[in-house]
Amino acid sequence: MQTAVINDNSDLITYITDNDFSLIDQEYKPQQMKQIVETSIYLFPYQLIDILEKRYIFENAQEIISFLLLNKDLLSMLLKAPYYIERIFGRVPLYLELHSDPEENWDELFIVIKTNLPAKEAVKREMQLFDFWFSNVIQKVGNRLNYTEEPL
């Protein structure tokens, strides 16, 4: 049996066989692997989106799902983003919002980080998050993914 899992390189999917979970991040336990393991390549993106729906609040769900299915490489980055966000902001509500301009023909998915921080502190942490995480993925995501902090 062939199984697909996200590996440590945010943009790669690794295929393993049977119950060999040694290639997976230590943060996942075997019983949790049922959440991210799928034997069907067709269904795999849908299963990842189901996981994302547990980590984020989707503001316009159907549009976001359609966008993610067209931009599957963003799925693994969105799965890992909460880890980096939590290290900078702590446990905070995370939203996904799709911003579109049909006249200009562009779509951009935003991770919206909701906090109670004062404005200066929020801006400071946004810059820390950029240095800690986003600067490493910006080349891969281009103008398709961004993040912002907003007050609760």
C-alpha atoms as a PDB file:
ATOM      1  CA  MET A   1       0.000   0.000   0.000  1.00  0.00           C
ATOM      2  CA  GLN A   2       1.337   3.434  -0.927  1.00  0.00           C
ATOM      3  CA  THR A   3       0.686   6.349   1.404  1.00  0.00           C
ATOM      4  CA  ALA A   4       1.237  10.053   0.830  1.00  0.00           C
ATOM      5  CA  VAL A   5       2.412  12.365   3.615  1.00  0.00           C
ATOM      6  CA  ILE A   6       3.807  15.867   3.758  1.00  0.00           C
ATOM      7  CA  ASN A   7       7.510  15.771   4.428  1.00  0.00           C
ATOM      8  CA  ASP A   8       9.756  18.364   6.081  1.00  0.00           C
ATOM      9  CA  ASN A   9      10.260  20.319   2.855  1.00  0.00           C
ATOM     10  CA  SER A  10       7.054  22.320   2.867  1.00  0.00           C
ATOM     11  CA  ASP A  11       6.450  21.771  -0.811  1.00  0.00           C
ATOM     12  CA  LEU A  12       7.059  18.028  -1.146  1.00  0.00           C
ATOM     13  CA  ILE A  13       4.914  14.973  -0.668  1.00  0.00           C
ATOM     14  CA  THR A  14       6.691  11.768   0.281  1.00  0.00           C
ATOM     15  CA  TYR A  15       5.342   8.311  -0.419  1.00  0.00           C
ATOM     16  CA  ILE A  16       5.858   5.607   2.160  1.00  0.00           C
ATOM     17  CA  THR A  17       4.610   2.072   2.366  1.00  0.00           C
ATOM     18  CA  ASP A  18       2.621   0.200   4.997  1.00  0.00           C
ATOM     19  CA  ASN A  19       3.055   1.557   8.532  1.00  0.00           C
ATOM     20  CA  ASP A  20       6.488   3.162   8.179  1.00  0.00           C
ATOM     21  CA  PHE A  21       5.855   6.521   9.835  1.00  0.00           C
ATOM     22  CA  SER A  22       9.542   7.267  10.501  1.00  0.00           C
ATOM     23  CA  LEU A  23       9.629   9.938   7.759  1.00  0.00           C
ATOM     24  CA  ILE A  24       7.004  12.066   9.461  1.00  0.00           C
ATOM     25  CA  ASP A  25       7.683  14.967  11.842  1.00  0.00           C
ATOM     26  CA  GLN A  26       8.015  13.915  15.468  1.00  0.00           C
ATOM     27  CA  GLU A  27       5.062  16.115  16.439  1.00  0.00           C
ATOM     28  CA  TYR A  28       2.628  13.604  14.887  1.00  0.00           C
ATOM     29  CA  LYS A  29       1.808  10.388  16.702  1.00  0.00           C
ATOM     30  CA  PRO A  30       0.756   7.278  14.746  1.00  0.00           C
ATOM     31  CA  GLN A  31      -2.899   7.654  15.794  1.00  0.00           C
ATOM     32  CA  GLN A  32      -2.834  11.252  14.503  1.00  0.00           C
ATOM     33  CA  MET A  33      -1.437  10.095  11.177  1.00  0.00           C
ATOM     34  CA  LYS A  34      -4.887   8.934  10.149  1.00  0.00           C
ATOM     35  CA  GLN A  35      -5.631  12.650   9.747  1.00  0.00           C
ATOM     36  CA  ILE A  36      -2.919  13.257   7.149  1.00  0.00           C
ATOM     37  CA  VAL A  37      -2.511   9.875   5.474  1.00  0.00           C
ATOM     38  CA  GLU A  38      -4.410   9.046   2.313  1.00  0.00           C
ATOM     39  CA  THR A  39      -3.816   6.371  -0.262  1.00  0.00           C
ATOM     40  CA  SER A  40      -5.614   8.194  -3.048  1.00  0.00           C
ATOM     41  CA  ILE A  41      -3.698  11.026  -4.699  1.00  0.00           C
ATOM     42  CA  TYR A  42      -6.989  12.494  -5.887  1.00  0.00           C
ATOM     43  CA  LEU A  43      -8.479  12.606  -2.367  1.00  0.00           C
ATOM     44  CA  PHE A  44      -5.286  13.709  -0.619  1.00  0.00           C
ATOM     45  CA  PRO A  45      -5.768  17.486  -1.182  1.00  0.00           C
ATOM     46  CA  TYR A  46      -9.341  17.255   0.087  1.00  0.00           C
ATOM     47  CA  GLN A  47      -8.163  15.529   3.236  1.00  0.00           C
ATOM     48  CA  LEU A  48      -5.556  18.228   3.809  1.00  0.00           C
ATOM     49  CA  ILE A  49      -8.245  20.881   3.378  1.00  0.00           C
ATOM     50  CA  ASP A  50     -10.343  19.082   6.014  1.00  0.00           C
ATOM     51  CA  ILE A  51      -7.395  19.400   8.414  1.00  0.00           C
ATOM     52  CA  LEU A  52      -7.000  23.074   7.552  1.00  0.00           C
ATOM     53  CA  GLU A  53     -10.673  23.648   8.353  1.00  0.00           C
ATOM     54  CA  LYS A  54      -9.910  22.475  11.904  1.00  0.00           C
ATOM     55  CA  ARG A  55      -6.961  24.866  12.284  1.00  0.00           C
ATOM     56  CA  TYR A  56      -8.412  27.941  10.565  1.00  0.00           C
ATOM     57  CA  ILE A  57     -11.761  29.657  10.326  1.00  0.00           C
ATOM     58  CA  PHE A  58     -12.610  29.916   6.627  1.00  0.00           C
ATOM     59  CA  GLU A  59     -14.297  33.260   5.928  1.00  0.00           C
ATOM     60  CA  ASN A  60     -15.545  32.333   2.443  1.00  0.00           C
ATOM     61  CA  ALA A  61     -15.169  28.575   2.453  1.00  0.00           C
ATOM     62  CA  GLN A  62     -16.190  27.601  -1.093  1.00  0.00           C
ATOM     63  CA  GLU A  63     -13.965  30.228  -2.695  1.00  0.00           C
ATOM     64  CA  ILE A  64     -11.025  29.267  -0.456  1.00  0.00           C
ATOM     65  CA  ILE A  65     -11.413  25.554  -1.213  1.00  0.00           C
ATOM     66  CA  SER A  66     -11.551  26.218  -4.955  1.00  0.00           C
ATOM     67  CA  PHE A  67      -8.460  28.421  -4.695  1.00  0.00           C
ATOM     68  CA  LEU A  68      -6.557  25.785  -2.699  1.00  0.00           C
ATOM     69  CA  LEU A  69      -7.420  23.052  -5.190  1.00  0.00           C
ATOM     70  CA  LEU A  70      -5.896  25.231  -7.910  1.00  0.00           C
ATOM     71  CA  ASN A  71      -2.873  26.023  -5.705  1.00  0.00           C
ATOM     72  CA  LYS A  72      -2.178  22.687  -4.008  1.00  0.00           C
ATOM     73  CA  ASP A  73       1.395  23.661  -3.197  1.00  0.00           C
ATOM     74  CA  LEU A  74       0.013  26.088  -0.579  1.00  0.00           C
ATOM     75  CA  LEU A  75      -1.581  23.270   1.422  1.00  0.00           C
ATOM     76  CA  SER A  76       1.576  22.099   3.140  1.00  0.00           C
ATOM     77  CA  MET A  77       2.617  25.681   3.942  1.00  0.00           C
ATOM     78  CA  LEU A  78      -0.785  26.369   5.474  1.00  0.00           C
ATOM     79  CA  LEU A  79      -0.518  23.197   7.555  1.00  0.00           C
ATOM     80  CA  LYS A  80       2.813  24.318   8.992  1.00  0.00           C
ATOM     81  CA  ALA A  81       2.013  28.024   9.392  1.00  0.00           C
ATOM     82  CA  PRO A  82       0.144  27.682  12.742  1.00  0.00           C
ATOM     83  CA  TYR A  83       3.307  26.271  14.325  1.00  0.00           C
ATOM     84  CA  TYR A  84       5.291  29.375  13.364  1.00  0.00           C
ATOM     85  CA  ILE A  85       2.474  31.764  14.199  1.00  0.00           C
ATOM     86  CA  GLU A  86       2.020  30.231  17.640  1.00  0.00           C
ATOM     87  CA  ARG A  87       5.721  30.625  18.404  1.00  0.00           C
ATOM     88  CA  ILE A  88       5.443  34.384  17.787  1.00  0.00           C
ATOM     89  CA  PHE A  89       1.855  35.253  18.777  1.00  0.00           C
ATOM     90  CA  GLY A  90       0.897  32.406  21.125  1.00  0.00           C
ATOM     91  CA  ARG A  91      -2.410  30.583  20.683  1.00  0.00           C
ATOM     92  CA  VAL A  92      -4.643  32.912  18.731  1.00  0.00           C
ATOM     93  CA  PRO A  93      -7.590  32.485  16.358  1.00  0.00           C
ATOM     94  CA  LEU A  94      -6.509  32.064  12.734  1.00  0.00           C
ATOM     95  CA  TYR A  95      -8.715  32.932   9.789  1.00  0.00           C
ATOM     96  CA  LEU A  96      -8.303  32.346   6.068  1.00  0.00           C
ATOM     97  CA  GLU A  97      -9.696  35.023   3.781  1.00  0.00           C
ATOM     98  CA  LEU A  98      -9.549  35.082   0.002  1.00  0.00           C
ATOM     99  CA  HIS A  99      -9.148  38.538  -1.496  1.00  0.00           C
ATOM    100  CA  SER A 100      -9.895  38.850  -5.208  1.00  0.00           C
ATOM    101  CA  ASP A 101      -9.944  41.490  -7.888  1.00  0.00           C
ATOM    102  CA  PRO A 102     -11.711  40.169 -11.002  1.00  0.00           C
ATOM    103  CA  GLU A 103     -10.800  43.281 -13.015  1.00  0.00           C
ATOM    104  CA  GLU A 104      -7.099  42.776 -12.306  1.00  0.00           C
ATOM    105  CA  ASN A 105      -7.457  38.976 -12.399  1.00  0.00           C
ATOM    106  CA  TRP A 106      -5.740  38.135  -9.115  1.00  0.00           C
ATOM    107  CA  ASP A 107      -6.537  36.172  -5.963  1.00  0.00           C
ATOM    108  CA  GLU A 108      -4.576  36.250  -2.726  1.00  0.00           C
ATOM    109  CA  LEU A 109      -5.193  34.097   0.329  1.00  0.00           C
ATOM    110  CA  PHE A 110      -4.607  35.811   3.657  1.00  0.00           C
ATOM    111  CA  ILE A 111      -3.885  34.198   6.990  1.00  0.00           C
ATOM    112  CA  VAL A 112      -5.525  36.618   9.407  1.00  0.00           C
ATOM    113  CA  ILE A 113      -4.069  36.429  12.920  1.00  0.00           C
ATOM    114  CA  LYS A 114      -6.535  37.786  15.494  1.00  0.00           C
ATOM    115  CA  THR A 115      -4.967  39.154  18.699  1.00  0.00           C
ATOM    116  CA  ASN A 116      -5.569  41.517  21.605  1.00  0.00           C
ATOM    117  CA  LEU A 117      -2.107  43.066  21.233  1.00  0.00           C
ATOM    118  CA  PRO A 118      -1.510  46.820  21.189  1.00  0.00           C
ATOM    119  CA  ALA A 119      -0.794  48.107  17.667  1.00  0.00           C
ATOM    120  CA  LYS A 120       2.968  48.597  18.162  1.00  0.00           C
ATOM    121  CA  GLU A 121       3.422  45.124  19.626  1.00  0.00           C
ATOM    122  CA  ALA A 122       1.335  43.554  16.848  1.00  0.00           C
ATOM    123  CA  VAL A 123       3.469  45.213  14.157  1.00  0.00           C
ATOM    124  CA  LYS A 124       6.645  44.083  15.951  1.00  0.00           C
ATOM    125  CA  ARG A 125       5.426  40.488  16.023  1.00  0.00           C
ATOM    126  CA  GLU A 126       4.318  40.614  12.383  1.00  0.00           C
ATOM    127  CA  MET A 127       7.901  41.558  11.483  1.00  0.00           C
ATOM    128  CA  GLN A 128       9.235  38.738  13.690  1.00  0.00           C
ATOM    129  CA  LEU A 129       6.946  36.279  11.908  1.00  0.00           C
ATOM    130  CA  PHE A 130       8.189  37.541   8.561  1.00  0.00           C
ATOM    131  CA  ASP A 131      11.818  36.963   9.600  1.00  0.00           C
ATOM    132  CA  PHE A 132      11.117  33.634  11.323  1.00  0.00           C
ATOM    133  CA  TRP A 133       8.864  32.025   8.703  1.00  0.00           C
ATOM    134  CA  PHE A 134       7.422  34.010   5.820  1.00  0.00           C
ATOM    135  CA  SER A 135      10.742  35.188   4.373  1.00  0.00           C
ATOM    136  CA  ASN A 136      11.563  31.509   3.810  1.00  0.00           C
ATOM    137  CA  VAL A 137       8.394  30.762   1.833  1.00  0.00           C
ATOM    138  CA  ILE A 138       7.734  34.034   0.024  1.00  0.00           C
ATOM    139  CA  GLN A 139       9.596  32.880  -3.093  1.00  0.00           C
ATOM    140  CA  LYS A 140       7.369  29.806  -3.290  1.00  0.00           C
ATOM    141  CA  VAL A 141       4.037  31.497  -2.617  1.00  0.00           C
ATOM    142  CA  GLY A 142       4.556  34.665  -4.636  1.00  0.00           C
ATOM    143  CA  ASN A 143       1.492  36.856  -4.379  1.00  0.00           C
ATOM    144  CA  ARG A 144      -0.884  33.939  -3.685  1.00  0.00           C
ATOM    145  CA  LEU A 145      -0.430  33.859   0.116  1.00  0.00           C
ATOM    146  CA  ASN A 146       0.075  36.563   2.707  1.00  0.00           C
ATOM    147  CA  TYR A 147      -0.679  37.200   6.375  1.00  0.00           C
ATOM    148  CA  THR A 148      -1.819  40.039   8.551  1.00  0.00           C
ATOM    149  CA  GLU A 149      -2.670  40.685  12.173  1.00  0.00           C
ATOM    150  CA  GLU A 150      -6.021  42.170  13.159  1.00  0.00           C
ATOM    151  CA  PRO A 151      -7.505  43.024  16.547  1.00  0.00           C
ATOM    152  CA  LEU A 152     -10.100  40.644  17.978  1.00  0.00           C
END
